[in-house]
Amino acid sequence: MTTYPIEMSVQPEVKGFFDSETNTISYVVKDPASTACAVIDSVMDIDYAAGRIAYAHADQIIADIEARGLKLEWLIETHVHADHLSGAPYIQQRLGGQIGIGAKIRLVQETFGKVFNEGTEFQRDGSQFDRLFEDGDCYRIGAMTAFVIHTPGHTPACMTHVIGDAAFVGDTLFMPDGGSARADFPGGDAGELYDSIQKLLSLPDQMRLFMCHDYGPNGREIRWETTVADERAENIHVGGGRSREEFIKFRTARDQQLAMPKLIIPALQVNMNGGELPPEDEDGRRYLKVPLDML
């Protein structure tokens, strides 16, 4: 079993940015001992019906970093998102930093490269990203040591990033009253998702957990921070000692009732390519593809 370098005494400053169009929370994570910071799961805006791209959400993050005089060292993607487009390259162009994602991105690229009929010019080796993380890898944000835990199930490339007493779980978990993410995308697996959640629930009770999404179940206000102890006791899908078999049965049945995310087609094409938009044609136009009967 992997031993992780947990440092609960290190308490990074975490600021969340909620995108109401996709119910995504992006984070600026600052080292308390320096001006170094990381951005986790940024968003690029898209008006899908009109085919227009904008950067209002990313500009909020850039403005916050500049206003506080911070130095951006990392742009982290917890996984290849199917419900929003990454703003990482746009932010990197303005502020620098390295873009990182889990090494299993290669499996995602191989799978969806076929779905979107990408040619041989589309690299399926993860080279669109600056760093590919394996389970247990460490990296630095100023004086802080961050480490990654491979948490597949929602997608093969999902990684949880633990920075001091804060863990950024992507779509592996939702708030206790939200439960867990779906596991029916290509490469997803409900049993793997359960096992990944158990990894997170084995972290220290007071570890802060930060969600990538929140949908305000039953009309409550949007929230994105909880703890391991609260998830273990109260999560409606896995809390209270729910068994692996029970979870798989529930998750499989639940996923069969869910529609595809409304932005899955543009999101996957862009995000598996490191957040980069398709190249321009000879007339300076860009196009996204719509695969028929493939998802």
C-alpha atoms as a PDB file:
ATOM      1  CA  MET A   1       0.000   0.000   0.000  1.00  0.00           C
ATOM      2  CA  THR A   2       1.294   3.447  -0.940  1.00  0.00           C
ATOM      3  CA  THR A   3       2.388   5.657   1.951  1.00  0.00           C
ATOM      4  CA  TYR A   4       1.593   9.284   1.312  1.00  0.00           C
ATOM      5  CA  PRO A   5       3.532  12.267   2.755  1.00  0.00           C
ATOM      6  CA  ILE A   6       0.596  13.841   4.589  1.00  0.00           C
ATOM      7  CA  GLU A   7       1.403  17.195   6.243  1.00  0.00           C
ATOM      8  CA  MET A   8      -1.714  18.250   8.157  1.00  0.00           C
ATOM      9  CA  SER A   9       0.212  21.100   9.785  1.00  0.00           C
ATOM     10  CA  VAL A  10       0.473  22.824   6.388  1.00  0.00           C
ATOM     11  CA  GLN A  11      -2.717  24.770   5.705  1.00  0.00           C
ATOM     12  CA  PRO A  12      -2.824  26.261   2.210  1.00  0.00           C
ATOM     13  CA  GLU A  13      -5.038  29.250   1.542  1.00  0.00           C
ATOM     14  CA  VAL A  14      -7.839  28.059  -0.751  1.00  0.00           C
ATOM     15  CA  LYS A  15     -10.118  30.389  -2.718  1.00  0.00           C
ATOM     16  CA  GLY A  16     -12.957  28.932  -4.776  1.00  0.00           C
ATOM     17  CA  PHE A  17     -14.485  30.369  -7.948  1.00  0.00           C
ATOM     18  CA  PHE A  18     -17.945  29.027  -8.794  1.00  0.00           C
ATOM     19  CA  ASP A  19     -19.069  28.844 -12.436  1.00  0.00           C
ATOM     20  CA  SER A  20     -22.869  28.826 -12.445  1.00  0.00           C
ATOM     21  CA  GLU A  21     -23.121  27.705 -16.080  1.00  0.00           C
ATOM     22  CA  THR A  22     -21.421  24.363 -15.391  1.00  0.00           C
ATOM     23  CA  ASN A  23     -21.647  24.154 -11.574  1.00  0.00           C
ATOM     24  CA  THR A  24     -17.852  23.877 -11.508  1.00  0.00           C
ATOM     25  CA  ILE A  25     -15.615  25.162  -8.746  1.00  0.00           C
ATOM     26  CA  SER A  26     -12.102  26.258  -9.707  1.00  0.00           C
ATOM     27  CA  TYR A  27      -9.503  26.957  -7.036  1.00  0.00           C
ATOM     28  CA  VAL A  28      -6.517  29.168  -6.403  1.00  0.00           C
ATOM     29  CA  VAL A  29      -4.360  27.381  -3.810  1.00  0.00           C
ATOM     30  CA  LYS A  30      -1.708  29.574  -2.168  1.00  0.00           C
ATOM     31  CA  ASP A  31       1.333  28.531  -0.177  1.00  0.00           C
ATOM     32  CA  PRO A  32       1.012  30.349   3.201  1.00  0.00           C
ATOM     33  CA  ALA A  33       4.803  30.729   3.366  1.00  0.00           C
ATOM     34  CA  SER A  34       5.315  32.400  -0.028  1.00  0.00           C
ATOM     35  CA  THR A  35       3.549  33.972  -3.008  1.00  0.00           C
ATOM     36  CA  ALA A  36       3.460  30.672  -4.908  1.00  0.00           C
ATOM     37  CA  CYS A  37       0.095  29.291  -5.979  1.00  0.00           C
ATOM     38  CA  ALA A  38      -1.643  26.709  -8.140  1.00  0.00           C
ATOM     39  CA  VAL A  39      -4.901  26.814 -10.091  1.00  0.00           C
ATOM     40  CA  ILE A  40      -7.049  23.683 -10.060  1.00  0.00           C
ATOM     41  CA  ASP A  41      -9.747  22.856 -12.639  1.00  0.00           C
ATOM     42  CA  SER A  42     -10.119  26.186 -14.428  1.00  0.00           C
ATOM     43  CA  VAL A  43     -12.998  26.906 -16.822  1.00  0.00           C
ATOM     44  CA  MET A  44     -13.197  28.354 -20.333  1.00  0.00           C
ATOM     45  CA  ASP A  45     -16.641  29.738 -21.173  1.00  0.00           C
ATOM     46  CA  ILE A  46     -18.561  28.502 -24.199  1.00  0.00           C
ATOM     47  CA  ASP A  47     -21.903  29.486 -25.693  1.00  0.00           C
ATOM     48  CA  TYR A  48     -22.407  26.109 -27.331  1.00  0.00           C
ATOM     49  CA  ALA A  49     -25.493  27.069 -29.338  1.00  0.00           C
ATOM     50  CA  ALA A  50     -23.710  30.071 -30.838  1.00  0.00           C
ATOM     51  CA  GLY A  51     -20.279  28.450 -31.035  1.00  0.00           C
ATOM     52  CA  ARG A  52     -18.630  31.298 -29.135  1.00  0.00           C
ATOM     53  CA  ILE A  53     -15.712  31.072 -26.698  1.00  0.00           C
ATOM     54  CA  ALA A  54     -15.111  33.554 -23.868  1.00  0.00           C
ATOM     55  CA  TYR A  55     -12.835  33.806 -20.835  1.00  0.00           C
ATOM     56  CA  ALA A  56     -14.785  35.655 -18.128  1.00  0.00           C
ATOM     57  CA  HIS A  57     -14.287  32.883 -15.544  1.00  0.00           C
ATOM     58  CA  ALA A  58     -10.575  32.521 -16.270  1.00  0.00           C
ATOM     59  CA  ASP A  59     -10.171  36.306 -16.193  1.00  0.00           C
ATOM     60  CA  GLN A  60     -11.569  36.360 -12.630  1.00  0.00           C
ATOM     61  CA  ILE A  61      -8.861  33.933 -11.570  1.00  0.00           C
ATOM     62  CA  ILE A  62      -6.145  35.886 -13.373  1.00  0.00           C
ATOM     63  CA  ALA A  63      -7.319  39.122 -11.758  1.00  0.00           C
ATOM     64  CA  ASP A  64      -7.261  37.533  -8.298  1.00  0.00           C
ATOM     65  CA  ILE A  65      -3.727  36.191  -8.749  1.00  0.00           C
ATOM     66  CA  GLU A  66      -2.467  39.515 -10.065  1.00  0.00           C
ATOM     67  CA  ALA A  67      -4.235  41.535  -7.339  1.00  0.00           C
ATOM     68  CA  ARG A  68      -2.564  39.471  -4.625  1.00  0.00           C
ATOM     69  CA  GLY A  69       0.832  39.514  -6.314  1.00  0.00           C
ATOM     70  CA  LEU A  70       1.002  35.727  -6.548  1.00  0.00           C
ATOM     71  CA  LYS A  71       3.255  33.573  -8.699  1.00  0.00           C
ATOM     72  CA  LEU A  72       1.420  30.834 -10.591  1.00  0.00           C
ATOM     73  CA  GLU A  73       3.450  27.625 -10.621  1.00  0.00           C
ATOM     74  CA  TRP A  74       0.894  24.945 -11.570  1.00  0.00           C
ATOM     75  CA  LEU A  75      -2.356  24.557 -13.489  1.00  0.00           C
ATOM     76  CA  ILE A  76      -3.815  21.234 -12.384  1.00  0.00           C
ATOM     77  CA  GLU A  77      -6.537  19.221 -14.115  1.00  0.00           C
ATOM     78  CA  THR A  78      -7.964  16.571 -11.800  1.00  0.00           C
ATOM     79  CA  HIS A  79      -9.232  14.660 -14.870  1.00  0.00           C
ATOM     80  CA  VAL A  80     -10.516  15.117 -18.429  1.00  0.00           C
ATOM     81  CA  HIS A  81     -13.748  16.945 -17.711  1.00  0.00           C
ATOM     82  CA  ALA A  82     -16.894  16.144 -19.686  1.00  0.00           C
ATOM     83  CA  ASP A  83     -18.977  19.061 -18.424  1.00  0.00           C
ATOM     84  CA  HIS A  84     -16.772  22.109 -18.933  1.00  0.00           C
ATOM     85  CA  LEU A  85     -13.852  23.247 -21.067  1.00  0.00           C
ATOM     86  CA  SER A  86     -10.477  23.893 -19.455  1.00  0.00           C
ATOM     87  CA  GLY A  87      -9.140  27.437 -19.305  1.00  0.00           C
ATOM     88  CA  ALA A  88      -5.617  26.290 -18.415  1.00  0.00           C
ATOM     89  CA  PRO A  89      -3.802  27.241 -21.656  1.00  0.00           C
ATOM     90  CA  TYR A  90      -5.368  30.701 -21.600  1.00  0.00           C
ATOM     91  CA  ILE A  91      -4.278  31.300 -18.001  1.00  0.00           C
ATOM     92  CA  GLN A  92      -0.831  29.814 -18.692  1.00  0.00           C
ATOM     93  CA  GLN A  93      -0.335  32.210 -21.604  1.00  0.00           C
ATOM     94  CA  ARG A  94      -1.012  35.132 -19.260  1.00  0.00           C
ATOM     95  CA  LEU A  95       0.678  33.973 -16.047  1.00  0.00           C
ATOM     96  CA  GLY A  96       2.955  31.016 -16.820  1.00  0.00           C
ATOM     97  CA  GLY A  97       3.020  27.795 -14.817  1.00  0.00           C
ATOM     98  CA  GLN A  98       2.963  24.129 -15.821  1.00  0.00           C
ATOM     99  CA  ILE A  99      -0.171  22.195 -16.813  1.00  0.00           C
ATOM    100  CA  GLY A 100      -0.450  18.779 -15.149  1.00  0.00           C
ATOM    101  CA  ILE A 101      -2.839  15.819 -15.379  1.00  0.00           C
ATOM    102  CA  GLY A 102      -2.834  12.106 -14.560  1.00  0.00           C
ATOM    103  CA  ALA A 103      -0.704   9.842 -16.752  1.00  0.00           C
ATOM    104  CA  LYS A 104      -3.746   7.745 -17.666  1.00  0.00           C
ATOM    105  CA  ILE A 105      -4.735  10.630 -19.943  1.00  0.00           C
ATOM    106  CA  ARG A 106      -3.183   8.447 -22.631  1.00  0.00           C
ATOM    107  CA  LEU A 107      -6.032   5.926 -22.245  1.00  0.00           C
ATOM    108  CA  VAL A 108      -8.594   8.712 -22.499  1.00  0.00           C
ATOM    109  CA  GLN A 109      -6.908  10.092 -25.605  1.00  0.00           C
ATOM    110  CA  GLU A 110      -6.827   6.664 -27.217  1.00  0.00           C
ATOM    111  CA  THR A 111     -10.520   6.047 -26.486  1.00  0.00           C
ATOM    112  CA  PHE A 112     -11.885   9.418 -27.505  1.00  0.00           C
ATOM    113  CA  GLY A 113      -9.431   9.926 -30.329  1.00  0.00           C
ATOM    114  CA  LYS A 114     -11.406   7.152 -32.016  1.00  0.00           C
ATOM    115  CA  VAL A 115     -14.785   8.569 -30.989  1.00  0.00           C
ATOM    116  CA  PHE A 116     -13.948  11.918 -32.585  1.00  0.00           C
ATOM    117  CA  ASN A 117     -12.162  10.373 -35.564  1.00  0.00           C
ATOM    118  CA  GLU A 118      -8.947  12.263 -34.851  1.00  0.00           C
ATOM    119  CA  GLY A 119      -6.195  11.684 -37.374  1.00  0.00           C
ATOM    120  CA  THR A 120      -2.615  10.636 -36.816  1.00  0.00           C
ATOM    121  CA  GLU A 121      -1.686  14.264 -36.129  1.00  0.00           C
ATOM    122  CA  PHE A 122      -3.492  14.013 -32.771  1.00  0.00           C
ATOM    123  CA  GLN A 123      -0.889  12.829 -30.281  1.00  0.00           C
ATOM    124  CA  ARG A 124      -2.142  10.160 -27.880  1.00  0.00           C
ATOM    125  CA  ASP A 125       0.898  10.257 -25.583  1.00  0.00           C
ATOM    126  CA  GLY A 126      -0.126  13.071 -23.237  1.00  0.00           C
ATOM    127  CA  SER A 127       2.454  15.418 -24.766  1.00  0.00           C
ATOM    128  CA  GLN A 128      -0.086  18.276 -24.774  1.00  0.00           C
ATOM    129  CA  PHE A 129       0.520  18.569 -21.020  1.00  0.00           C
ATOM    130  CA  ASP A 130       3.674  19.685 -19.208  1.00  0.00           C
ATOM    131  CA  ARG A 131       3.530  16.986 -16.517  1.00  0.00           C
ATOM    132  CA  LEU A 132       1.859  13.575 -16.318  1.00  0.00           C
ATOM    133  CA  PHE A 133       1.339  12.354 -12.757  1.00  0.00           C
ATOM    134  CA  GLU A 134       1.532   8.771 -11.525  1.00  0.00           C
ATOM    135  CA  ASP A 135       0.055   7.566  -8.247  1.00  0.00           C
ATOM    136  CA  GLY A 136       2.170   8.861  -5.357  1.00  0.00           C
ATOM    137  CA  ASP A 137       4.040  11.496  -7.367  1.00  0.00           C
ATOM    138  CA  CYS A 138       5.002  14.701  -5.552  1.00  0.00           C
ATOM    139  CA  TYR A 139       5.492  18.262  -6.758  1.00  0.00           C
ATOM    140  CA  ARG A 140       6.152  21.598  -5.086  1.00  0.00           C
ATOM    141  CA  ILE A 141       4.045  24.748  -4.768  1.00  0.00           C
ATOM    142  CA  GLY A 142       6.447  27.161  -3.147  1.00  0.00           C
ATOM    143  CA  ALA A 143       7.403  25.570   0.177  1.00  0.00           C
ATOM    144  CA  MET A 144       4.499  23.090   0.101  1.00  0.00           C
ATOM    145  CA  THR A 145       4.750  19.485  -1.033  1.00  0.00           C
ATOM    146  CA  ALA A 146       1.725  18.321  -3.014  1.00  0.00           C
ATOM    147  CA  PHE A 147       1.129  14.679  -3.868  1.00  0.00           C
ATOM    148  CA  VAL A 148      -1.318  12.819  -6.070  1.00  0.00           C
ATOM    149  CA  ILE A 149      -3.515   9.775  -5.509  1.00  0.00           C
ATOM    150  CA  HIS A 150      -4.829   7.869  -8.501  1.00  0.00           C
ATOM    151  CA  THR A 151      -8.611   7.748  -7.986  1.00  0.00           C
ATOM    152  CA  PRO A 152     -10.136   6.172 -11.129  1.00  0.00           C
ATOM    153  CA  GLY A 153     -13.724   5.121 -11.630  1.00  0.00           C
ATOM    154  CA  HIS A 154     -15.326   8.268 -13.003  1.00  0.00           C
ATOM    155  CA  THR A 155     -12.579   8.256 -15.662  1.00  0.00           C
ATOM    156  CA  PRO A 156      -9.329   6.254 -15.882  1.00  0.00           C
ATOM    157  CA  ALA A 157      -7.217   9.390 -15.439  1.00  0.00           C
ATOM    158  CA  CYS A 158      -8.829  10.851 -12.304  1.00  0.00           C
ATOM    159  CA  MET A 159      -6.338  12.042  -9.690  1.00  0.00           C
ATOM    160  CA  THR A 160      -6.851  13.574  -6.258  1.00  0.00           C
ATOM    161  CA  HIS A 161      -4.307  16.257  -5.363  1.00  0.00           C
ATOM    162  CA  VAL A 162      -3.419  16.539  -1.669  1.00  0.00           C
ATOM    163  CA  ILE A 163      -1.771  19.781  -0.577  1.00  0.00           C
ATOM    164  CA  GLY A 164      -1.137  20.001   3.156  1.00  0.00           C
ATOM    165  CA  ASP A 165      -4.475  19.541   4.931  1.00  0.00           C
ATOM    166  CA  ALA A 166      -6.474  20.051   1.717  1.00  0.00           C
ATOM    167  CA  ALA A 167      -7.436  17.455  -0.904  1.00  0.00           C
ATOM    168  CA  PHE A 168      -8.909  18.339  -4.291  1.00  0.00           C
ATOM    169  CA  VAL A 169     -10.980  15.346  -5.294  1.00  0.00           C
ATOM    170  CA  GLY A 170     -12.236  16.234  -8.771  1.00  0.00           C
ATOM    171  CA  ASP A 171     -15.399  14.246  -9.520  1.00  0.00           C
ATOM    172  CA  THR A 172     -14.548  11.280  -7.286  1.00  0.00           C
ATOM    173  CA  LEU A 173     -16.815  12.633  -4.543  1.00  0.00           C
ATOM    174  CA  PHE A 174     -19.501  15.277  -4.189  1.00  0.00           C
ATOM    175  CA  MET A 175     -20.648  16.936  -0.966  1.00  0.00           C
ATOM    176  CA  PRO A 176     -22.169  14.426   1.504  1.00  0.00           C
ATOM    177  CA  ASP A 177     -25.717  15.184   0.338  1.00  0.00           C
ATOM    178  CA  GLY A 178     -24.604  14.940  -3.321  1.00  0.00           C
ATOM    179  CA  GLY A 179     -23.002  11.507  -3.142  1.00  0.00           C
ATOM    180  CA  SER A 180     -20.694  10.490  -5.970  1.00  0.00           C
ATOM    181  CA  ALA A 181     -20.127  11.010  -9.684  1.00  0.00           C
ATOM    182  CA  ARG A 182     -21.273   8.769 -12.489  1.00  0.00           C
ATOM    183  CA  ALA A 183     -19.111   5.858 -13.619  1.00  0.00           C
ATOM    184  CA  ASP A 184     -20.599   5.003 -17.021  1.00  0.00           C
ATOM    185  CA  PHE A 185     -18.359   6.973 -19.368  1.00  0.00           C
ATOM    186  CA  PRO A 186     -15.995   4.890 -21.546  1.00  0.00           C
ATOM    187  CA  GLY A 187     -13.242   3.705 -19.185  1.00  0.00           C
ATOM    188  CA  GLY A 188     -15.352   4.365 -16.087  1.00  0.00           C
ATOM    189  CA  ASP A 189     -16.073   1.637 -13.544  1.00  0.00           C
ATOM    190  CA  ALA A 190     -18.340   1.710 -10.487  1.00  0.00           C
ATOM    191  CA  GLY A 191     -16.201  -0.795  -8.569  1.00  0.00           C
ATOM    192  CA  GLU A 192     -13.059   1.252  -9.194  1.00  0.00           C
ATOM    193  CA  LEU A 193     -14.905   4.385  -8.121  1.00  0.00           C
ATOM    194  CA  TYR A 194     -15.864   2.751  -4.816  1.00  0.00           C
ATOM    195  CA  ASP A 195     -12.265   1.670  -4.229  1.00  0.00           C
ATOM    196  CA  SER A 196     -11.022   5.180  -5.004  1.00  0.00           C
ATOM    197  CA  ILE A 197     -13.497   6.715  -2.579  1.00  0.00           C
ATOM    198  CA  GLN A 198     -12.249   4.342   0.115  1.00  0.00           C
ATOM    199  CA  LYS A 199      -8.726   5.685  -0.450  1.00  0.00           C
ATOM    200  CA  LEU A 200     -10.030   9.180   0.254  1.00  0.00           C
ATOM    201  CA  LEU A 201     -12.015   8.085   3.300  1.00  0.00           C
ATOM    202  CA  SER A 202      -8.816   6.593   4.759  1.00  0.00           C
ATOM    203  CA  LEU A 203      -7.195  10.042   4.887  1.00  0.00           C
ATOM    204  CA  PRO A 204      -7.125  11.872   8.257  1.00  0.00           C
ATOM    205  CA  ASP A 205     -10.584  12.778   9.580  1.00  0.00           C
ATOM    206  CA  GLN A 206      -9.944  16.522   9.485  1.00  0.00           C
ATOM    207  CA  MET A 207      -8.515  16.590   5.978  1.00  0.00           C
ATOM    208  CA  ARG A 208     -10.373  19.308   4.083  1.00  0.00           C
ATOM    209  CA  LEU A 209     -11.983  17.988   0.891  1.00  0.00           C
ATOM    210  CA  PHE A 210     -12.721  20.349  -1.999  1.00  0.00           C
ATOM    211  CA  MET A 211     -15.239  19.382  -4.677  1.00  0.00           C
ATOM    212  CA  CYS A 212     -15.044  20.111  -8.390  1.00  0.00           C
ATOM    213  CA  HIS A 213     -18.848  20.403  -8.651  1.00  0.00           C
ATOM    214  CA  ASP A 214     -21.851  21.165  -6.526  1.00  0.00           C
ATOM    215  CA  TYR A 215     -25.495  21.276  -7.620  1.00  0.00           C
ATOM    216  CA  GLY A 216     -27.185  22.454  -4.414  1.00  0.00           C
ATOM    217  CA  PRO A 217     -29.316  19.345  -3.718  1.00  0.00           C
ATOM    218  CA  ASN A 218     -32.828  20.073  -2.419  1.00  0.00           C
ATOM    219  CA  GLY A 219     -32.347  23.764  -3.034  1.00  0.00           C
ATOM    220  CA  ARG A 220     -29.560  24.389  -0.515  1.00  0.00           C
ATOM    221  CA  GLU A 221     -26.899  27.016  -1.170  1.00  0.00           C
ATOM    222  CA  ILE A 222     -23.862  25.993  -3.199  1.00  0.00           C
ATOM    223  CA  ARG A 223     -21.023  24.573  -1.087  1.00  0.00           C
ATOM    224  CA  TRP A 224     -17.738  22.929  -1.972  1.00  0.00           C
ATOM    225  CA  GLU A 225     -15.776  22.193   1.200  1.00  0.00           C
ATOM    226  CA  THR A 226     -16.253  19.301   3.628  1.00  0.00           C
ATOM    227  CA  THR A 227     -14.056  16.855   5.585  1.00  0.00           C
ATOM    228  CA  VAL A 228     -13.141  13.196   5.408  1.00  0.00           C
ATOM    229  CA  ALA A 229     -15.007  12.561   8.659  1.00  0.00           C
ATOM    230  CA  ASP A 230     -18.211  14.124   7.351  1.00  0.00           C
ATOM    231  CA  GLU A 231     -18.031  12.209   4.074  1.00  0.00           C
ATOM    232  CA  ARG A 232     -17.390   8.923   5.858  1.00  0.00           C
ATOM    233  CA  ALA A 233     -20.359   9.419   8.168  1.00  0.00           C
ATOM    234  CA  GLU A 234     -22.871  11.186   5.960  1.00  0.00           C
ATOM    235  CA  ASN A 235     -22.233  10.656   2.238  1.00  0.00           C
ATOM    236  CA  ILE A 236     -25.546   9.421   0.832  1.00  0.00           C
ATOM    237  CA  HIS A 237     -23.879   6.999  -1.599  1.00  0.00           C
ATOM    238  CA  VAL A 238     -20.949   5.565   0.369  1.00  0.00           C
ATOM    239  CA  GLY A 239     -21.235   6.793   3.949  1.00  0.00           C
ATOM    240  CA  GLY A 240     -22.097   4.712   6.970  1.00  0.00           C
ATOM    241  CA  GLY A 241     -20.162   1.669   5.790  1.00  0.00           C
ATOM    242  CA  ARG A 242     -22.052   0.978   2.558  1.00  0.00           C
ATOM    243  CA  SER A 243     -20.607  -2.133   0.907  1.00  0.00           C
ATOM    244  CA  ARG A 244     -18.877  -2.294  -2.450  1.00  0.00           C
ATOM    245  CA  GLU A 245     -21.599  -4.558  -3.854  1.00  0.00           C
ATOM    246  CA  GLU A 246     -24.363  -2.210  -2.708  1.00  0.00           C
ATOM    247  CA  PHE A 247     -22.583   0.772  -4.229  1.00  0.00           C
ATOM    248  CA  ILE A 248     -22.001  -0.915  -7.595  1.00  0.00           C
ATOM    249  CA  LYS A 249     -25.656  -1.945  -7.814  1.00  0.00           C
ATOM    250  CA  PHE A 250     -26.857   1.542  -6.906  1.00  0.00           C
ATOM    251  CA  ARG A 251     -24.361   3.426  -9.085  1.00  0.00           C
ATOM    252  CA  THR A 252     -25.030   1.243 -12.145  1.00  0.00           C
ATOM    253  CA  ALA A 253     -28.794   1.678 -11.856  1.00  0.00           C
ATOM    254  CA  ARG A 254     -28.455   5.404 -11.238  1.00  0.00           C
ATOM    255  CA  ASP A 255     -26.157   5.962 -14.206  1.00  0.00           C
ATOM    256  CA  GLN A 256     -28.633   4.319 -16.574  1.00  0.00           C
ATOM    257  CA  GLN A 257     -31.070   7.133 -15.762  1.00  0.00           C
ATOM    258  CA  LEU A 258     -28.656  10.004 -16.442  1.00  0.00           C
ATOM    259  CA  ALA A 259     -28.490  12.016 -19.659  1.00  0.00           C
ATOM    260  CA  MET A 260     -25.157  12.934 -21.206  1.00  0.00           C
ATOM    261  CA  PRO A 261     -23.670  16.227 -19.935  1.00  0.00           C
ATOM    262  CA  LYS A 262     -24.726  19.033 -22.265  1.00  0.00           C
ATOM    263  CA  LEU A 263     -21.125  20.075 -22.993  1.00  0.00           C
ATOM    264  CA  ILE A 264     -19.598  16.600 -23.307  1.00  0.00           C
ATOM    265  CA  ILE A 265     -18.908  16.892 -27.057  1.00  0.00           C
ATOM    266  CA  PRO A 266     -16.905  20.136 -27.011  1.00  0.00           C
ATOM    267  CA  ALA A 267     -15.427  19.448 -23.573  1.00  0.00           C
ATOM    268  CA  LEU A 268     -13.853  16.097 -24.390  1.00  0.00           C
ATOM    269  CA  GLN A 269     -12.379  17.302 -27.676  1.00  0.00           C
ATOM    270  CA  VAL A 270     -10.764  20.314 -26.060  1.00  0.00           C
ATOM    271  CA  ASN A 271      -9.765  18.835 -22.698  1.00  0.00           C
ATOM    272  CA  MET A 272      -8.084  15.687 -24.028  1.00  0.00           C
ATOM    273  CA  ASN A 273      -5.961  18.065 -26.110  1.00  0.00           C
ATOM    274  CA  GLY A 274      -4.651  19.924 -23.074  1.00  0.00           C
ATOM    275  CA  GLY A 275      -7.378  22.575 -23.224  1.00  0.00           C
ATOM    276  CA  GLU A 276      -6.327  23.715 -26.688  1.00  0.00           C
ATOM    277  CA  LEU A 277      -8.989  24.588 -29.257  1.00  0.00           C
ATOM    278  CA  PRO A 278      -8.895  22.870 -32.672  1.00  0.00           C
ATOM    279  CA  PRO A 279      -6.384  24.390 -35.110  1.00  0.00           C
ATOM    280  CA  GLU A 280      -7.539  27.048 -37.546  1.00  0.00           C
ATOM    281  CA  ASP A 281      -8.164  26.125 -41.176  1.00  0.00           C
ATOM    282  CA  GLU A 282      -6.762  28.133 -44.078  1.00  0.00           C
ATOM    283  CA  ASP A 283      -9.516  30.724 -43.580  1.00  0.00           C
ATOM    284  CA  GLY A 284      -8.803  31.145 -39.891  1.00  0.00           C
ATOM    285  CA  ARG A 285     -11.881  29.221 -38.733  1.00  0.00           C
ATOM    286  CA  ARG A 286     -12.055  26.522 -36.066  1.00  0.00           C
ATOM    287  CA  TYR A 287     -14.481  23.608 -35.946  1.00  0.00           C
ATOM    288  CA  LEU A 288     -15.561  21.017 -33.411  1.00  0.00           C
ATOM    289  CA  LYS A 289     -16.912  17.603 -34.410  1.00  0.00           C
ATOM    290  CA  VAL A 290     -20.208  15.992 -33.435  1.00  0.00           C
ATOM    291  CA  PRO A 291     -19.910  12.171 -33.477  1.00  0.00           C
ATOM    292  CA  LEU A 292     -23.224  10.469 -34.154  1.00  0.00           C
ATOM    293  CA  ASP A 293     -24.381   7.480 -32.080  1.00  0.00           C
ATOM    294  CA  MET A 294     -20.994   7.182 -30.360  1.00  0.00           C
ATOM    295  CA  LEU A 295     -21.733   8.348 -26.801  1.00  0.00           C
END
